[in-house]
């Protein structure tokens, strides 16, 4: 031990080899401490997950019948809207002669505009469906190919 100019006793400086060993010991102790903290946190997280699941189950069980009906009605309304949209899309696709999955829009006008744009891109015009009484326009052009309906029938039956 050495005295400094104030008269206090100080420890001699540690050797270099022992300082490195002390640091390694401190680091491994610190690593073990943090591993233990991590394990505790994992256990708490598992406990919390179980408690959250139980809480959700209790919350669902405590809902009133009215709340359950309201949720059911909301789900049915969503399903109904989706089915109406799908039906409208199929109807427009059928009328215009385009694939339904290529149409975009949510209203009939938007879907029809989308179908017309597809037809314009494809270079065709929409063939009108015959009247319900079976007396549709005969001999009119069906596409830009310039063939009449009777010419198409003749070509198809020649085989």
N, C-alpha and C. Protein backbone atom coordinates (compact mmCIF):
# COMPACT_ATOMS: atom_id res chain seq x y z
N UNK A 1 0.83 -1.16 0.00
CA UNK A 1 0.00 0.00 0.00
C UNK A 1 0.88 1.23 0.00
N UNK A 2 0.42 2.23 -0.70
CA UNK A 2 1.22 3.44 -0.82
C UNK A 2 0.42 4.62 -0.33
N UNK A 3 1.16 5.60 0.22
CA UNK A 3 0.52 6.81 0.69
C UNK A 3 0.67 7.87 -0.37
N UNK A 4 -0.39 8.64 -0.60
CA UNK A 4 -0.26 9.75 -1.54
C UNK A 4 0.03 11.00 -0.76
N UNK A 5 0.11 12.15 -1.43
CA UNK A 5 0.53 13.37 -0.77
C UNK A 5 -0.46 13.87 0.27
N UNK A 6 -1.73 13.44 0.21
CA UNK A 6 -2.72 13.83 1.22
C UNK A 6 -2.61 12.97 2.48
N UNK A 7 -1.88 11.92 2.39
CA UNK A 7 -1.71 11.04 3.53
C UNK A 7 -2.70 9.88 3.53
N UNK A 8 -3.49 9.73 2.45
CA UNK A 8 -4.42 8.61 2.40
C UNK A 8 -3.71 7.41 1.78
N UNK A 9 -4.16 6.28 2.21
CA UNK A 9 -3.54 5.04 1.74
C UNK A 9 -4.32 4.56 0.53
N UNK A 10 -3.60 4.19 -0.50
CA UNK A 10 -4.23 3.68 -1.71
C UNK A 10 -3.70 2.30 -1.98
N UNK A 11 -4.54 1.51 -2.64
CA UNK A 11 -4.10 0.17 -3.03
C UNK A 11 -3.17 0.28 -4.21
N UNK A 12 -2.24 -0.62 -4.28
CA UNK A 12 -1.38 -0.59 -5.46
C UNK A 12 -2.20 -0.96 -6.69
N UNK A 13 -1.77 -0.57 -7.86
CA UNK A 13 -2.49 -0.86 -9.10
C UNK A 13 -2.51 -2.36 -9.34
N UNK A 14 -3.66 -2.91 -9.72
CA UNK A 14 -3.73 -4.34 -9.94
C UNK A 14 -2.94 -4.72 -11.17
N UNK A 15 -2.55 -5.96 -11.19
CA UNK A 15 -1.79 -6.46 -12.33
C UNK A 15 -2.73 -6.57 -13.53
N UNK A 16 -2.17 -6.51 -14.71
CA UNK A 16 -2.95 -6.52 -15.94
C UNK A 16 -3.69 -7.83 -16.09
N UNK A 17 -3.11 -8.95 -15.78
CA UNK A 17 -3.73 -10.26 -15.93
C UNK A 17 -4.94 -10.41 -15.04
N UNK A 18 -4.88 -9.96 -13.83
CA UNK A 18 -6.01 -10.10 -12.91
C UNK A 18 -7.15 -9.17 -13.28
N UNK A 19 -6.84 -8.03 -13.87
CA UNK A 19 -7.89 -7.09 -14.30
C UNK A 19 -8.72 -7.72 -15.41
N UNK A 20 -8.10 -8.38 -16.37
CA UNK A 20 -8.80 -9.02 -17.48
C UNK A 20 -9.69 -10.14 -16.95
N UNK A 21 -9.18 -10.92 -16.01
CA UNK A 21 -9.97 -12.01 -15.45
C UNK A 21 -11.18 -11.46 -14.70
N UNK A 22 -10.99 -10.37 -13.98
CA UNK A 22 -12.08 -9.75 -13.24
C UNK A 22 -13.15 -9.25 -14.20
N UNK A 23 -12.75 -8.65 -15.32
CA UNK A 23 -13.70 -8.16 -16.31
C UNK A 23 -14.49 -9.32 -16.91
N UNK A 24 -13.81 -10.43 -17.20
CA UNK A 24 -14.49 -11.59 -17.77
C UNK A 24 -15.49 -12.15 -16.77
N UNK A 25 -15.12 -12.21 -15.53
CA UNK A 25 -16.01 -12.70 -14.49
C UNK A 25 -17.22 -11.79 -14.37
N UNK A 26 -16.99 -10.47 -14.39
CA UNK A 26 -18.08 -9.50 -14.32
C UNK A 26 -19.02 -9.64 -15.51
N UNK A 27 -18.44 -9.84 -16.71
CA UNK A 27 -19.25 -9.98 -17.92
C UNK A 27 -20.10 -11.25 -17.88
N UNK A 28 -19.51 -12.36 -17.46
CA UNK A 28 -20.28 -13.61 -17.42
C UNK A 28 -21.38 -13.51 -16.36
N UNK A 29 -21.09 -12.82 -15.24
CA UNK A 29 -22.12 -12.62 -14.22
C UNK A 29 -23.24 -11.75 -14.77
N UNK A 30 -22.89 -10.74 -15.54
CA UNK A 30 -23.89 -9.85 -16.15
C UNK A 30 -24.74 -10.62 -17.17
N UNK A 31 -24.10 -11.48 -17.95
CA UNK A 31 -24.83 -12.29 -18.92
C UNK A 31 -25.84 -13.18 -18.20
N UNK A 32 -25.42 -13.85 -17.15
CA UNK A 32 -26.31 -14.73 -16.38
C UNK A 32 -27.46 -13.94 -15.78
N UNK A 33 -27.18 -12.73 -15.31
CA UNK A 33 -28.23 -11.89 -14.73
C UNK A 33 -29.30 -11.58 -15.78
N UNK A 34 -28.87 -11.22 -16.98
CA UNK A 34 -29.82 -10.87 -18.03
C UNK A 34 -30.57 -12.09 -18.55
N UNK A 35 -29.91 -13.25 -18.55
CA UNK A 35 -30.61 -14.48 -18.93
C UNK A 35 -31.73 -14.76 -17.94
N UNK A 36 -31.44 -14.59 -16.66
CA UNK A 36 -32.46 -14.82 -15.63
C UNK A 36 -33.63 -13.85 -15.80
N UNK A 37 -33.33 -12.59 -16.10
CA UNK A 37 -34.40 -11.60 -16.35
C UNK A 37 -35.23 -12.02 -17.55
N UNK A 38 -34.58 -12.47 -18.57
CA UNK A 38 -35.27 -12.88 -19.79
C UNK A 38 -36.20 -14.06 -19.51
N UNK A 39 -35.73 -15.04 -18.76
CA UNK A 39 -36.57 -16.20 -18.42
C UNK A 39 -37.79 -15.77 -17.61
N UNK A 40 -37.59 -14.85 -16.67
CA UNK A 40 -38.71 -14.34 -15.88
C UNK A 40 -39.75 -13.67 -16.78
N UNK A 41 -39.26 -12.87 -17.72
CA UNK A 41 -40.18 -12.17 -18.63
C UNK A 41 -40.94 -13.15 -19.51
N UNK A 42 -40.27 -14.21 -19.95
CA UNK A 42 -40.96 -15.21 -20.75
C UNK A 42 -42.06 -15.89 -19.96
N UNK A 43 -41.80 -16.21 -18.70
CA UNK A 43 -42.80 -16.82 -17.84
C UNK A 43 -43.99 -15.88 -17.65
N UNK A 44 -43.70 -14.61 -17.43
CA UNK A 44 -44.78 -13.62 -17.26
C UNK A 44 -45.61 -13.50 -18.53
N UNK A 45 -44.93 -13.53 -19.68
CA UNK A 45 -45.66 -13.41 -20.95
C UNK A 45 -46.60 -14.60 -21.13
N UNK A 46 -46.15 -15.80 -20.78
CA UNK A 46 -47.01 -16.98 -20.89
C UNK A 46 -48.21 -16.85 -19.96
N UNK A 47 -47.97 -16.41 -18.74
CA UNK A 47 -49.06 -16.21 -17.79
C UNK A 47 -50.04 -15.17 -18.31
N UNK A 48 -49.52 -14.08 -18.85
CA UNK A 48 -50.38 -13.02 -19.38
C UNK A 48 -51.20 -13.50 -20.57
N UNK A 49 -50.61 -14.34 -21.42
CA UNK A 49 -51.34 -14.85 -22.58
C UNK A 49 -52.52 -15.71 -22.12
N UNK A 50 -52.28 -16.54 -21.12
CA UNK A 50 -53.35 -17.37 -20.59
C UNK A 50 -54.45 -16.52 -19.97
N UNK A 51 -54.04 -15.50 -19.23
CA UNK A 51 -55.01 -14.61 -18.59
C UNK A 51 -55.80 -13.83 -19.64
N UNK A 52 -55.15 -13.41 -20.69
CA UNK A 52 -55.84 -12.67 -21.76
C UNK A 52 -56.88 -13.57 -22.43
N UNK A 53 -56.53 -14.83 -22.63
CA UNK A 53 -57.47 -15.76 -23.25
C UNK A 53 -58.69 -15.96 -22.35
N UNK A 54 -58.44 -16.13 -21.06
CA UNK A 54 -59.54 -16.28 -20.11
C UNK A 54 -60.41 -15.02 -20.08
N UNK A 55 -59.76 -13.86 -20.15
CA UNK A 55 -60.50 -12.59 -20.15
C UNK A 55 -61.41 -12.52 -21.37
N UNK A 56 -60.89 -12.89 -22.54
CA UNK A 56 -61.71 -12.86 -23.76
C UNK A 56 -62.91 -13.80 -23.64
N UNK A 57 -62.66 -14.98 -23.06
CA UNK A 57 -63.75 -15.94 -22.89
C UNK A 57 -64.82 -15.39 -21.95
N UNK A 58 -64.38 -14.78 -20.85
CA UNK A 58 -65.33 -14.20 -19.90
C UNK A 58 -66.10 -13.04 -20.53
N UNK A 59 -65.41 -12.24 -21.30
CA UNK A 59 -66.05 -11.09 -21.95
C UNK A 59 -67.11 -11.58 -22.93
N UNK A 60 -66.80 -12.63 -23.69
CA UNK A 60 -67.75 -13.18 -24.65
C UNK A 60 -68.96 -13.77 -23.91
N UNK A 61 -68.71 -14.45 -22.81
CA UNK A 61 -69.79 -15.06 -22.04
C UNK A 61 -70.69 -14.00 -21.40
N UNK A 62 -70.12 -12.86 -21.08
CA UNK A 62 -70.90 -11.84 -20.38
C UNK A 62 -71.68 -10.94 -21.32
N UNK A 63 -71.53 -11.11 -22.61
CA UNK A 63 -72.29 -10.29 -23.55
C UNK A 63 -73.77 -10.60 -23.41
N UNK A 64 -74.55 -9.59 -23.57
CA UNK A 64 -75.99 -9.80 -23.51
C UNK A 64 -76.47 -10.42 -24.81
N UNK A 65 -77.64 -10.96 -24.74
CA UNK A 65 -78.23 -11.55 -25.94
C UNK A 65 -78.41 -10.49 -27.02
N UNK A 66 -78.73 -9.28 -26.62
CA UNK A 66 -78.91 -8.20 -27.59
C UNK A 66 -77.60 -7.91 -28.32
N UNK A 67 -76.49 -7.87 -27.59
CA UNK A 67 -75.19 -7.62 -28.22
C UNK A 67 -74.86 -8.73 -29.21
N UNK A 68 -75.15 -9.97 -28.83
CA UNK A 68 -74.87 -11.10 -29.73
C UNK A 68 -75.72 -10.99 -30.99
N UNK A 69 -77.00 -10.62 -30.83
CA UNK A 69 -77.86 -10.44 -32.01
C UNK A 69 -77.38 -9.30 -32.88
N UNK A 70 -76.96 -8.20 -32.25
CA UNK A 70 -76.45 -7.06 -33.02
C UNK A 70 -75.24 -7.45 -33.86
N UNK A 71 -74.33 -8.21 -33.25
CA UNK A 71 -73.15 -8.67 -33.99
C UNK A 71 -73.55 -9.59 -35.13
N UNK A 72 -74.51 -10.49 -34.86
CA UNK A 72 -74.97 -11.42 -35.89
C UNK A 72 -75.61 -10.65 -37.05
N UNK A 73 -76.42 -9.66 -36.72
CA UNK A 73 -77.06 -8.85 -37.76
C UNK A 73 -76.01 -8.11 -38.59
N UNK A 74 -75.01 -7.55 -37.92
CA UNK A 74 -73.96 -6.82 -38.64
C UNK A 74 -73.22 -7.77 -39.59
N UNK A 75 -72.93 -8.98 -39.14
CA UNK A 75 -72.26 -9.95 -40.01
C UNK A 75 -73.13 -10.34 -41.20
N UNK A 76 -74.43 -10.52 -40.96
CA UNK A 76 -75.35 -10.85 -42.05
C UNK A 76 -75.46 -9.70 -43.05
N UNK A 77 -75.46 -8.47 -42.56
CA UNK A 77 -75.53 -7.32 -43.47
C UNK A 77 -74.28 -7.24 -44.35
N UNK A 78 -73.12 -7.52 -43.76
CA UNK A 78 -71.88 -7.52 -44.56
C UNK A 78 -71.95 -8.59 -45.63
N UNK A 79 -72.40 -9.78 -45.24
CA UNK A 79 -72.50 -10.89 -46.19
C UNK A 79 -73.49 -10.56 -47.30
N UNK A 80 -74.62 -9.95 -46.93
CA UNK A 80 -75.64 -9.56 -47.90
C UNK A 80 -75.08 -8.56 -48.90
N UNK A 81 -74.34 -7.57 -48.40
CA UNK A 81 -73.76 -6.56 -49.30
C UNK A 81 -72.76 -7.20 -50.26
N UNK A 82 -71.97 -8.14 -49.77
CA UNK A 82 -71.00 -8.82 -50.63
C UNK A 82 -71.71 -9.63 -51.70
N UNK A 83 -72.79 -10.31 -51.34
CA UNK A 83 -73.53 -11.11 -52.31
C UNK A 83 -74.22 -10.23 -53.36
N UNK A 84 -74.77 -9.09 -52.92
CA UNK A 84 -75.39 -8.17 -53.88
C UNK A 84 -74.36 -7.64 -54.87
N UNK A 85 -73.20 -7.29 -54.36
CA UNK A 85 -72.13 -6.79 -55.21
C UNK A 85 -71.70 -7.85 -56.22
N UNK A 86 -71.56 -9.08 -55.74
CA UNK A 86 -71.15 -10.18 -56.62
C UNK A 86 -72.22 -10.43 -57.68
N UNK A 87 -73.49 -10.37 -57.29
CA UNK A 87 -74.59 -10.57 -58.22
C UNK A 87 -74.62 -9.48 -59.30
N UNK A 88 -74.45 -8.24 -58.87
CA UNK A 88 -74.44 -7.12 -59.81
C UNK A 88 -73.28 -7.25 -60.79
N UNK A 89 -72.12 -7.61 -60.27
CA UNK A 89 -70.92 -7.79 -61.10
C UNK A 89 -71.17 -8.89 -62.15
N UNK A 90 -71.77 -10.00 -61.72
CA UNK A 90 -72.06 -11.11 -62.64
C UNK A 90 -73.08 -10.70 -63.69
N UNK A 91 -74.08 -9.93 -63.25
CA UNK A 91 -75.12 -9.48 -64.18
C UNK A 91 -74.52 -8.59 -65.28
N UNK A 92 -73.72 -7.61 -64.88
CA UNK A 92 -73.11 -6.70 -65.85
C UNK A 92 -72.16 -7.47 -66.77
N UNK A 93 -71.40 -8.37 -66.20
CA UNK A 93 -70.46 -9.16 -67.00
C UNK A 93 -71.19 -9.99 -68.03
N UNK A 94 -72.30 -10.57 -67.63
CA UNK A 94 -73.10 -11.39 -68.55
C UNK A 94 -73.70 -10.53 -69.66
N UNK A 95 -74.25 -9.37 -69.30
CA UNK A 95 -74.85 -8.49 -70.29
C UNK A 95 -73.82 -7.96 -71.29
N UNK A 96 -72.63 -7.67 -70.80
CA UNK A 96 -71.61 -7.06 -71.66
C UNK A 96 -70.71 -8.09 -72.33
N UNK A 97 -70.74 -9.32 -71.84
CA UNK A 97 -69.91 -10.36 -72.44
C UNK A 97 -68.43 -10.27 -72.07
N UNK A 98 -68.15 -9.89 -70.84
CA UNK A 98 -66.77 -9.79 -70.36
C UNK A 98 -66.64 -10.62 -69.08
N UNK A 99 -65.43 -11.04 -68.74
CA UNK A 99 -65.25 -11.79 -67.49
C UNK A 99 -65.52 -10.90 -66.27
N UNK A 100 -66.28 -11.41 -65.32
CA UNK A 100 -66.67 -10.65 -64.14
C UNK A 100 -65.46 -10.24 -63.30
N UNK A 101 -64.44 -11.10 -63.25
CA UNK A 101 -63.28 -10.79 -62.40
C UNK A 101 -62.44 -9.64 -62.95
N UNK A 102 -62.67 -9.23 -64.18
CA UNK A 102 -61.93 -8.10 -64.75
C UNK A 102 -62.63 -6.77 -64.54
N UNK A 103 -63.85 -6.82 -64.04
CA UNK A 103 -64.59 -5.57 -63.83
C UNK A 103 -64.16 -4.91 -62.54
N UNK A 104 -64.17 -3.57 -62.56
CA UNK A 104 -63.86 -2.82 -61.35
C UNK A 104 -64.98 -1.83 -61.10
N UNK A 105 -65.20 -1.52 -59.84
CA UNK A 105 -66.25 -0.60 -59.47
C UNK A 105 -67.21 -1.26 -58.51
N UNK A 106 -68.08 -0.45 -57.92
CA UNK A 106 -69.03 -1.00 -56.95
C UNK A 106 -70.48 -0.72 -57.35
N UNK A 107 -70.70 0.29 -58.16
CA UNK A 107 -72.06 0.58 -58.60
C UNK A 107 -72.27 0.02 -60.00
N UNK A 108 -73.52 -0.06 -60.42
CA UNK A 108 -73.81 -0.60 -61.74
C UNK A 108 -73.18 0.28 -62.82
N UNK A 109 -73.23 1.60 -62.64
CA UNK A 109 -72.66 2.51 -63.63
C UNK A 109 -71.14 2.30 -63.76
N UNK A 110 -70.48 2.18 -62.61
CA UNK A 110 -69.03 1.97 -62.63
C UNK A 110 -68.67 0.65 -63.29
N UNK A 111 -69.45 -0.40 -62.99
CA UNK A 111 -69.18 -1.71 -63.58
C UNK A 111 -69.42 -1.69 -65.09
N UNK A 112 -70.47 -1.00 -65.53
CA UNK A 112 -70.74 -0.90 -66.95
C UNK A 112 -69.65 -0.12 -67.67
N UNK A 113 -69.17 0.97 -67.06
CA UNK A 113 -68.07 1.73 -67.65
C UNK A 113 -66.82 0.87 -67.76
N UNK A 114 -66.57 0.08 -66.75
CA UNK A 114 -65.41 -0.81 -66.75
C UNK A 114 -65.54 -1.84 -67.87
N UNK A 115 -66.73 -2.41 -68.02
CA UNK A 115 -66.97 -3.39 -69.08
C UNK A 115 -66.81 -2.75 -70.45
N UNK A 116 -67.35 -1.54 -70.63
CA UNK A 116 -67.21 -0.83 -71.91
C UNK A 116 -65.74 -0.55 -72.23
N UNK A 117 -64.97 -0.18 -71.20
CA UNK A 117 -63.55 0.07 -71.41
C UNK A 117 -62.84 -1.21 -71.83
N UNK A 118 -63.21 -2.33 -71.23
CA UNK A 118 -62.61 -3.61 -71.63
C UNK A 118 -62.96 -3.96 -73.07
N UNK A 119 -64.21 -3.73 -73.41
CA UNK A 119 -64.63 -4.03 -74.78
C UNK A 119 -63.92 -3.12 -75.78
N UNK A 120 -63.77 -1.85 -75.43
CA UNK A 120 -63.08 -0.91 -76.32
C UNK A 120 -61.62 -1.34 -76.48
N UNK A 121 -61.02 -1.78 -75.39
CA UNK A 121 -59.63 -2.24 -75.45
C UNK A 121 -59.52 -3.48 -76.33
N UNK A 122 -60.49 -4.35 -76.20
CA UNK A 122 -60.49 -5.59 -76.97
C UNK A 122 -60.89 -5.32 -78.42
N UNK A 123 -61.51 -4.17 -78.68
CA UNK A 123 -61.86 -3.79 -80.05
C UNK A 123 -63.19 -4.36 -80.50
N UNK A 124 -64.10 -4.57 -79.58
CA UNK A 124 -65.40 -5.11 -79.95
C UNK A 124 -66.49 -4.22 -79.40
N UNK A 125 -67.64 -4.35 -80.00
CA UNK A 125 -68.81 -3.67 -79.45
C UNK A 125 -69.70 -4.71 -78.81
N UNK A 126 -70.55 -4.29 -77.94
CA UNK A 126 -71.41 -5.22 -77.23
C UNK A 126 -72.52 -5.69 -78.15
N UNK A 127 -72.70 -7.00 -78.23
CA UNK A 127 -73.81 -7.55 -78.99
C UNK A 127 -75.04 -7.48 -78.11
N UNK A 128 -76.13 -6.97 -78.65
CA UNK A 128 -77.34 -6.85 -77.86
C UNK A 128 -77.99 -8.22 -77.75
N UNK A 129 -78.50 -8.49 -76.59
CA UNK A 129 -79.18 -9.76 -76.36
C UNK A 129 -80.51 -9.73 -77.10
N UNK A 130 -80.95 -10.88 -77.59
CA UNK A 130 -82.24 -10.91 -78.28
C UNK A 130 -83.37 -10.63 -77.30
N UNK A 131 -84.48 -10.20 -77.83
CA UNK A 131 -85.63 -9.92 -76.99
C UNK A 131 -86.09 -11.21 -76.33
N UNK A 132 -86.81 -11.06 -75.26
CA UNK A 132 -87.26 -12.23 -74.50
C UNK A 132 -88.21 -13.11 -75.31
N UNK A 133 -88.90 -12.52 -76.28
CA UNK A 133 -89.85 -13.32 -77.06
C UNK A 133 -89.15 -14.10 -78.18
N UNK A 134 -87.84 -14.02 -78.25
CA UNK A 134 -87.09 -14.76 -79.26
C UNK A 134 -87.04 -14.08 -80.60
N UNK A 135 -87.58 -12.90 -80.72
CA UNK A 135 -87.63 -12.19 -81.99
C UNK A 135 -86.62 -11.05 -82.02
N UNK A 136 -85.37 -11.36 -81.67
CA UNK A 136 -84.33 -10.34 -81.66
C UNK A 136 -84.00 -9.86 -83.05
N UNK A 137 -83.09 -8.92 -83.15
CA UNK A 137 -82.67 -8.38 -84.44
C UNK A 137 -81.88 -9.46 -85.17
N UNK A 138 -82.35 -9.82 -86.29
CA UNK A 138 -81.66 -10.84 -87.06
C UNK A 138 -80.90 -10.20 -88.18
N UNK A 139 -79.69 -10.71 -88.43
CA UNK A 139 -78.90 -10.20 -89.53
C UNK A 139 -78.03 -9.02 -89.18
N UNK A 140 -78.08 -8.50 -87.96
CA UNK A 140 -77.24 -7.39 -87.54
C UNK A 140 -75.82 -7.86 -87.27
N UNK A 141 -74.88 -6.94 -87.30
CA UNK A 141 -73.49 -7.33 -87.03
C UNK A 141 -73.32 -7.60 -85.55
N UNK A 142 -72.47 -8.59 -85.26
CA UNK A 142 -72.23 -8.99 -83.89
C UNK A 142 -70.92 -8.40 -83.41
N UNK A 143 -69.93 -8.31 -84.25
CA UNK A 143 -68.64 -7.76 -83.84
C UNK A 143 -68.05 -7.00 -85.02
N UNK A 144 -66.85 -6.50 -84.85
CA UNK A 144 -66.19 -5.74 -85.91
C UNK A 144 -65.83 -6.62 -87.10
N UNK A 145 -65.94 -7.92 -86.93
CA UNK A 145 -65.60 -8.83 -88.01
C UNK A 145 -66.49 -8.66 -89.21
N UNK A 146 -67.66 -8.06 -89.00
CA UNK A 146 -68.56 -7.77 -90.11
C UNK A 146 -69.47 -8.93 -90.48
N UNK A 147 -69.48 -10.00 -89.75
CA UNK A 147 -70.35 -11.12 -90.05
C UNK A 147 -71.72 -10.87 -89.44
N UNK A 148 -72.74 -11.22 -90.20
CA UNK A 148 -74.09 -11.11 -89.65
C UNK A 148 -74.39 -12.37 -88.86
N UNK A 149 -75.44 -12.34 -88.11
CA UNK A 149 -75.82 -13.49 -87.30
C UNK A 149 -76.11 -14.69 -88.19
N UNK A 150 -76.76 -14.46 -89.33
CA UNK A 150 -77.09 -15.58 -90.24
C UNK A 150 -75.82 -16.17 -90.86
N UNK A 151 -74.81 -15.32 -91.14
CA UNK A 151 -73.54 -15.83 -91.67
C UNK A 151 -72.82 -16.68 -90.64
N UNK A 152 -72.88 -16.27 -89.41
CA UNK A 152 -72.24 -17.03 -88.33
C UNK A 152 -72.91 -18.39 -88.20
N UNK A 153 -74.25 -18.42 -88.26
CA UNK A 153 -74.98 -19.68 -88.15
C UNK A 153 -74.65 -20.58 -89.33
N UNK A 154 -74.58 -20.03 -90.55
CA UNK A 154 -74.26 -20.83 -91.73
C UNK A 154 -72.87 -21.44 -91.61
N UNK A 155 -71.90 -20.65 -91.17
CA UNK A 155 -70.54 -21.16 -91.04
C UNK A 155 -70.46 -22.24 -89.96
N UNK A 156 -71.20 -22.05 -88.89
CA UNK A 156 -71.15 -23.02 -87.80
C UNK A 156 -71.81 -24.34 -88.18
N UNK A 157 -72.82 -24.30 -89.04
CA UNK A 157 -73.54 -25.53 -89.40
C UNK A 157 -72.96 -26.23 -90.61
N UNK A 158 -71.98 -25.65 -91.27
CA UNK A 158 -71.35 -26.26 -92.45
C UNK A 158 -70.55 -27.51 -92.11
N UNK A 159 -70.08 -27.59 -90.93
CA UNK A 159 -69.18 -28.69 -90.56
C UNK A 159 -69.82 -29.98 -90.60
